[in-house]
Amino acid sequence: MNKYNIEKLPRDIRFELAKKHKKLRKQKGLSQSELAERSGVSLGSLKRFETKGQVSLESLLKLVFVLGRLADFETVLKPEENLKHIEKLFDSKT
């Protein structure tokens, strides 16, 4: 996390994703080569992701699909309508 702001920077998120991904890959008992082959992502791209956090969105989705976590991305950029509705419910009760 950056030292000047509470919010995380894209760089911070990138490295956190890479770290979580690597941990999940190892928990699933997959080597980098095995995951690269199963996902169709080049080994070089996978290594770059796990070390530098750099990967295309397409490659990331292929990797998490093989790891069984593609559904995690369904909530990314989800409209805030549900949140606003919940806030209204709480505001109306006060």
N, C-alpha and C. Protein backbone atom coordinates (compact mmCIF):
# COMPACT_ATOMS: atom_id res chain seq x y z
N MET A 1 0.84 -1.17 0.00
CA MET A 1 0.00 0.00 0.00
C MET A 1 0.89 1.24 0.00
N ASN A 2 0.42 2.28 -0.64
CA ASN A 2 1.20 3.51 -0.67
C ASN A 2 1.14 4.20 0.68
N LYS A 3 2.11 5.06 0.94
CA LYS A 3 2.20 5.67 2.28
C LYS A 3 1.44 6.98 2.40
N TYR A 4 0.88 7.48 1.30
CA TYR A 4 0.23 8.78 1.34
C TYR A 4 -1.29 8.73 1.30
N ASN A 5 -1.84 7.58 1.05
CA ASN A 5 -3.27 7.49 0.84
C ASN A 5 -3.77 6.15 1.38
N ILE A 6 -4.95 6.18 1.94
CA ILE A 6 -5.52 4.95 2.47
C ILE A 6 -5.88 4.00 1.34
N GLU A 7 -6.38 4.55 0.24
CA GLU A 7 -6.77 3.71 -0.89
C GLU A 7 -5.55 3.10 -1.55
N LYS A 8 -5.76 1.94 -2.10
CA LYS A 8 -4.67 1.24 -2.78
C LYS A 8 -4.53 1.78 -4.20
N LEU A 9 -3.32 1.74 -4.68
CA LEU A 9 -3.04 2.12 -6.06
C LEU A 9 -3.17 0.89 -6.95
N PRO A 10 -3.34 1.09 -8.26
CA PRO A 10 -3.40 -0.07 -9.16
C PRO A 10 -2.21 -1.01 -8.98
N ARG A 11 -1.04 -0.46 -8.77
CA ARG A 11 0.17 -1.26 -8.56
C ARG A 11 -0.01 -2.18 -7.35
N ASP A 12 -0.59 -1.66 -6.28
CA ASP A 12 -0.81 -2.45 -5.07
C ASP A 12 -1.75 -3.63 -5.35
N ILE A 13 -2.83 -3.35 -6.04
CA ILE A 13 -3.80 -4.39 -6.38
C ILE A 13 -3.17 -5.44 -7.28
N ARG A 14 -2.39 -4.98 -8.24
CA ARG A 14 -1.70 -5.88 -9.17
C ARG A 14 -0.84 -6.90 -8.43
N PHE A 15 -0.03 -6.40 -7.49
CA PHE A 15 0.86 -7.29 -6.75
C PHE A 15 0.08 -8.21 -5.80
N GLU A 16 -0.99 -7.71 -5.22
CA GLU A 16 -1.81 -8.56 -4.35
C GLU A 16 -2.46 -9.69 -5.15
N LEU A 17 -2.98 -9.36 -6.33
CA LEU A 17 -3.58 -10.39 -7.19
C LEU A 17 -2.56 -11.45 -7.56
N ALA A 18 -1.37 -11.01 -7.93
CA ALA A 18 -0.31 -11.95 -8.32
C ALA A 18 0.05 -12.87 -7.16
N LYS A 19 0.14 -12.30 -5.97
CA LYS A 19 0.49 -13.09 -4.78
C LYS A 19 -0.61 -14.12 -4.47
N LYS A 20 -1.87 -13.67 -4.52
CA LYS A 20 -2.99 -14.58 -4.26
C LYS A 20 -3.06 -15.68 -5.31
N HIS A 21 -2.83 -15.29 -6.55
CA HIS A 21 -2.86 -16.25 -7.65
C HIS A 21 -1.80 -17.33 -7.46
N LYS A 22 -0.59 -16.92 -7.15
CA LYS A 22 0.51 -17.87 -6.98
C LYS A 22 0.20 -18.84 -5.83
N LYS A 23 -0.33 -18.30 -4.74
CA LYS A 23 -0.68 -19.14 -3.59
C LYS A 23 -1.75 -20.15 -3.98
N LEU A 24 -2.76 -19.71 -4.71
CA LEU A 24 -3.83 -20.60 -5.13
C LEU A 24 -3.31 -21.67 -6.09
N ARG A 25 -2.44 -21.28 -7.01
CA ARG A 25 -1.85 -22.25 -7.94
C ARG A 25 -1.13 -23.35 -7.17
N LYS A 26 -0.36 -22.95 -6.18
CA LYS A 26 0.39 -23.92 -5.38
C LYS A 26 -0.55 -24.80 -4.55
N GLN A 27 -1.61 -24.21 -4.00
CA GLN A 27 -2.59 -24.99 -3.24
C GLN A 27 -3.25 -26.05 -4.11
N LYS A 28 -3.43 -25.73 -5.38
CA LYS A 28 -4.03 -26.68 -6.32
C LYS A 28 -3.01 -27.71 -6.81
N GLY A 29 -1.76 -27.55 -6.39
CA GLY A 29 -0.72 -28.50 -6.77
C GLY A 29 -0.27 -28.40 -8.21
N LEU A 30 -0.38 -27.22 -8.78
CA LEU A 30 0.00 -27.02 -10.18
C LEU A 30 1.33 -26.29 -10.30
N SER A 31 2.17 -26.77 -11.17
CA SER A 31 3.40 -26.03 -11.48
C SER A 31 3.04 -24.92 -12.46
N GLN A 32 3.95 -24.00 -12.65
CA GLN A 32 3.72 -22.93 -13.62
C GLN A 32 3.52 -23.53 -15.01
N SER A 33 4.34 -24.51 -15.35
CA SER A 33 4.24 -25.14 -16.67
C SER A 33 2.88 -25.81 -16.88
N GLU A 34 2.41 -26.51 -15.85
CA GLU A 34 1.11 -27.19 -15.96
C GLU A 34 -0.02 -26.19 -16.15
N LEU A 35 0.01 -25.12 -15.35
CA LEU A 35 -1.05 -24.12 -15.45
C LEU A 35 -1.00 -23.41 -16.80
N ALA A 36 0.19 -23.10 -17.26
CA ALA A 36 0.33 -22.45 -18.56
C ALA A 36 -0.25 -23.33 -19.66
N GLU A 37 0.06 -24.60 -19.62
CA GLU A 37 -0.43 -25.53 -20.65
C GLU A 37 -1.94 -25.67 -20.60
N ARG A 38 -2.49 -25.84 -19.41
CA ARG A 38 -3.94 -26.03 -19.27
C ARG A 38 -4.73 -24.78 -19.65
N SER A 39 -4.16 -23.61 -19.38
CA SER A 39 -4.88 -22.36 -19.61
C SER A 39 -4.69 -21.79 -21.02
N GLY A 40 -3.63 -22.21 -21.68
CA GLY A 40 -3.33 -21.63 -22.99
C GLY A 40 -2.59 -20.31 -22.89
N VAL A 41 -2.13 -19.98 -21.69
CA VAL A 41 -1.34 -18.77 -21.46
C VAL A 41 0.12 -19.17 -21.54
N SER A 42 0.93 -18.36 -22.20
CA SER A 42 2.34 -18.72 -22.32
C SER A 42 3.01 -18.76 -20.95
N LEU A 43 4.00 -19.61 -20.83
CA LEU A 43 4.74 -19.73 -19.57
C LEU A 43 5.39 -18.40 -19.21
N GLY A 44 5.90 -17.69 -20.20
CA GLY A 44 6.51 -16.38 -19.95
C GLY A 44 5.51 -15.38 -19.37
N SER A 45 4.30 -15.38 -19.91
CA SER A 45 3.26 -14.47 -19.40
C SER A 45 2.89 -14.83 -17.96
N LEU A 46 2.80 -16.12 -17.69
CA LEU A 46 2.47 -16.56 -16.33
C LEU A 46 3.57 -16.17 -15.35
N LYS A 47 4.81 -16.38 -15.74
CA LYS A 47 5.93 -16.00 -14.86
C LYS A 47 5.96 -14.49 -14.62
N ARG A 48 5.72 -13.72 -15.68
CA ARG A 48 5.71 -12.26 -15.54
C ARG A 48 4.60 -11.82 -14.58
N PHE A 49 3.45 -12.48 -14.69
CA PHE A 49 2.35 -12.15 -13.79
C PHE A 49 2.71 -12.45 -12.34
N GLU A 50 3.26 -13.62 -12.10
CA GLU A 50 3.57 -14.01 -10.73
C GLU A 50 4.73 -13.23 -10.12
N THR A 51 5.60 -12.67 -10.93
CA THR A 51 6.73 -11.91 -10.39
C THR A 51 6.50 -10.40 -10.41
N LYS A 52 5.84 -9.90 -11.46
CA LYS A 52 5.68 -8.45 -11.61
C LYS A 52 4.23 -7.98 -11.54
N GLY A 53 3.31 -8.93 -11.52
CA GLY A 53 1.90 -8.57 -11.48
C GLY A 53 1.36 -8.06 -12.81
N GLN A 54 2.09 -8.28 -13.88
CA GLN A 54 1.68 -7.79 -15.19
C GLN A 54 1.11 -8.93 -16.02
N VAL A 55 -0.14 -8.76 -16.46
CA VAL A 55 -0.82 -9.78 -17.26
C VAL A 55 -1.98 -9.12 -17.99
N SER A 56 -2.30 -9.63 -19.16
CA SER A 56 -3.47 -9.12 -19.87
C SER A 56 -4.73 -9.63 -19.18
N LEU A 57 -5.80 -8.92 -19.36
CA LEU A 57 -7.06 -9.34 -18.76
C LEU A 57 -7.47 -10.71 -19.31
N GLU A 58 -7.31 -10.91 -20.61
CA GLU A 58 -7.65 -12.19 -21.23
C GLU A 58 -6.87 -13.34 -20.58
N SER A 59 -5.58 -13.15 -20.40
CA SER A 59 -4.75 -14.19 -19.79
C SER A 59 -5.15 -14.43 -18.34
N LEU A 60 -5.41 -13.36 -17.62
CA LEU A 60 -5.82 -13.50 -16.22
C LEU A 60 -7.10 -14.32 -16.11
N LEU A 61 -8.06 -14.02 -16.96
CA LEU A 61 -9.32 -14.76 -16.93
C LEU A 61 -9.12 -16.23 -17.28
N LYS A 62 -8.24 -16.52 -18.20
CA LYS A 62 -7.94 -17.92 -18.54
C LYS A 62 -7.30 -18.64 -17.36
N LEU A 63 -6.40 -17.96 -16.68
CA LEU A 63 -5.72 -18.57 -15.54
C LEU A 63 -6.69 -18.85 -14.40
N VAL A 64 -7.51 -17.87 -14.05
CA VAL A 64 -8.43 -18.09 -12.93
C VAL A 64 -9.53 -19.08 -13.29
N PHE A 65 -9.85 -19.20 -14.58
CA PHE A 65 -10.81 -20.22 -15.00
C PHE A 65 -10.28 -21.61 -14.68
N VAL A 66 -9.03 -21.87 -15.02
CA VAL A 66 -8.43 -23.17 -14.75
C VAL A 66 -8.35 -23.42 -13.24
N LEU A 67 -8.15 -22.37 -12.47
CA LEU A 67 -8.05 -22.50 -11.01
C LEU A 67 -9.43 -22.56 -10.35
N GLY A 68 -10.49 -22.46 -11.14
CA GLY A 68 -11.84 -22.56 -10.60
C GLY A 68 -12.34 -21.32 -9.90
N ARG A 69 -11.80 -20.16 -10.25
CA ARG A 69 -12.20 -18.93 -9.55
C ARG A 69 -12.72 -17.84 -10.49
N LEU A 70 -13.16 -18.20 -11.67
CA LEU A 70 -13.65 -17.21 -12.62
C LEU A 70 -14.85 -16.45 -12.07
N ALA A 71 -15.69 -17.12 -11.31
CA ALA A 71 -16.88 -16.47 -10.74
C ALA A 71 -16.53 -15.28 -9.85
N ASP A 72 -15.32 -15.27 -9.30
CA ASP A 72 -14.90 -14.14 -8.46
C ASP A 72 -14.92 -12.82 -9.24
N PHE A 73 -14.80 -12.89 -10.55
CA PHE A 73 -14.73 -11.68 -11.36
C PHE A 73 -16.10 -11.15 -11.75
N GLU A 74 -17.15 -11.88 -11.44
CA GLU A 74 -18.49 -11.42 -11.79
C GLU A 74 -18.92 -10.20 -11.00
N THR A 75 -18.31 -9.95 -9.87
CA THR A 75 -18.68 -8.80 -9.06
C THR A 75 -17.81 -7.58 -9.33
N VAL A 76 -16.80 -7.73 -10.17
CA VAL A 76 -15.94 -6.60 -10.52
C VAL A 76 -16.76 -5.60 -11.33
N LEU A 77 -16.71 -4.35 -10.94
CA LEU A 77 -17.43 -3.26 -11.61
C LEU A 77 -18.94 -3.44 -11.60
N LYS A 78 -19.43 -4.15 -10.62
CA LYS A 78 -20.87 -4.34 -10.49
C LYS A 78 -21.52 -2.99 -10.17
N PRO A 79 -22.66 -2.70 -10.80
CA PRO A 79 -23.33 -1.43 -10.53
C PRO A 79 -23.61 -1.26 -9.04
N GLU A 80 -23.57 -0.04 -8.61
CA GLU A 80 -23.76 0.26 -7.18
C GLU A 80 -25.24 0.38 -6.82
N GLU A 81 -26.12 -0.01 -7.71
CA GLU A 81 -27.56 0.10 -7.44
C GLU A 81 -27.95 -0.61 -6.16
N ASN A 82 -27.45 -1.80 -5.97
CA ASN A 82 -27.80 -2.56 -4.77
C ASN A 82 -27.33 -1.85 -3.51
N LEU A 83 -26.14 -1.27 -3.57
CA LEU A 83 -25.61 -0.54 -2.42
C LEU A 83 -26.48 0.67 -2.11
N LYS A 84 -26.88 1.40 -3.13
CA LYS A 84 -27.72 2.59 -2.91
C LYS A 84 -29.07 2.18 -2.33
N HIS A 85 -29.61 1.08 -2.79
CA HIS A 85 -30.88 0.58 -2.27
C HIS A 85 -30.75 0.23 -0.79
N ILE A 86 -29.69 -0.42 -0.43
CA ILE A 86 -29.44 -0.79 0.97
C ILE A 86 -29.27 0.45 1.83
N GLU A 87 -28.54 1.45 1.32
CA GLU A 87 -28.35 2.69 2.06
C GLU A 87 -29.69 3.38 2.31
N LYS A 88 -30.57 3.38 1.31
CA LYS A 88 -31.90 3.98 1.47
C LYS A 88 -32.69 3.26 2.55
N LEU A 89 -32.60 1.95 2.58
CA LEU A 89 -33.31 1.18 3.60
C LEU A 89 -32.86 1.57 5.00
N PHE A 90 -31.56 1.71 5.18
CA PHE A 90 -31.04 2.09 6.49
C PHE A 90 -31.39 3.53 6.83
N ASP A 91 -31.34 4.42 5.85
CA ASP A 91 -31.67 5.82 6.10
C ASP A 91 -33.14 6.00 6.46
N SER A 92 -34.00 5.22 5.87
CA SER A 92 -35.43 5.35 6.14
C SER A 92 -35.80 4.83 7.53
N LYS A 93 -34.95 4.02 8.13
CA LYS A 93 -35.24 3.47 9.46
C LYS A 93 -34.72 4.36 10.58
N THR A 94 -33.97 5.40 10.23
CA THR A 94 -33.43 6.28 11.28
C THR A 94 -34.23 7.53 11.44
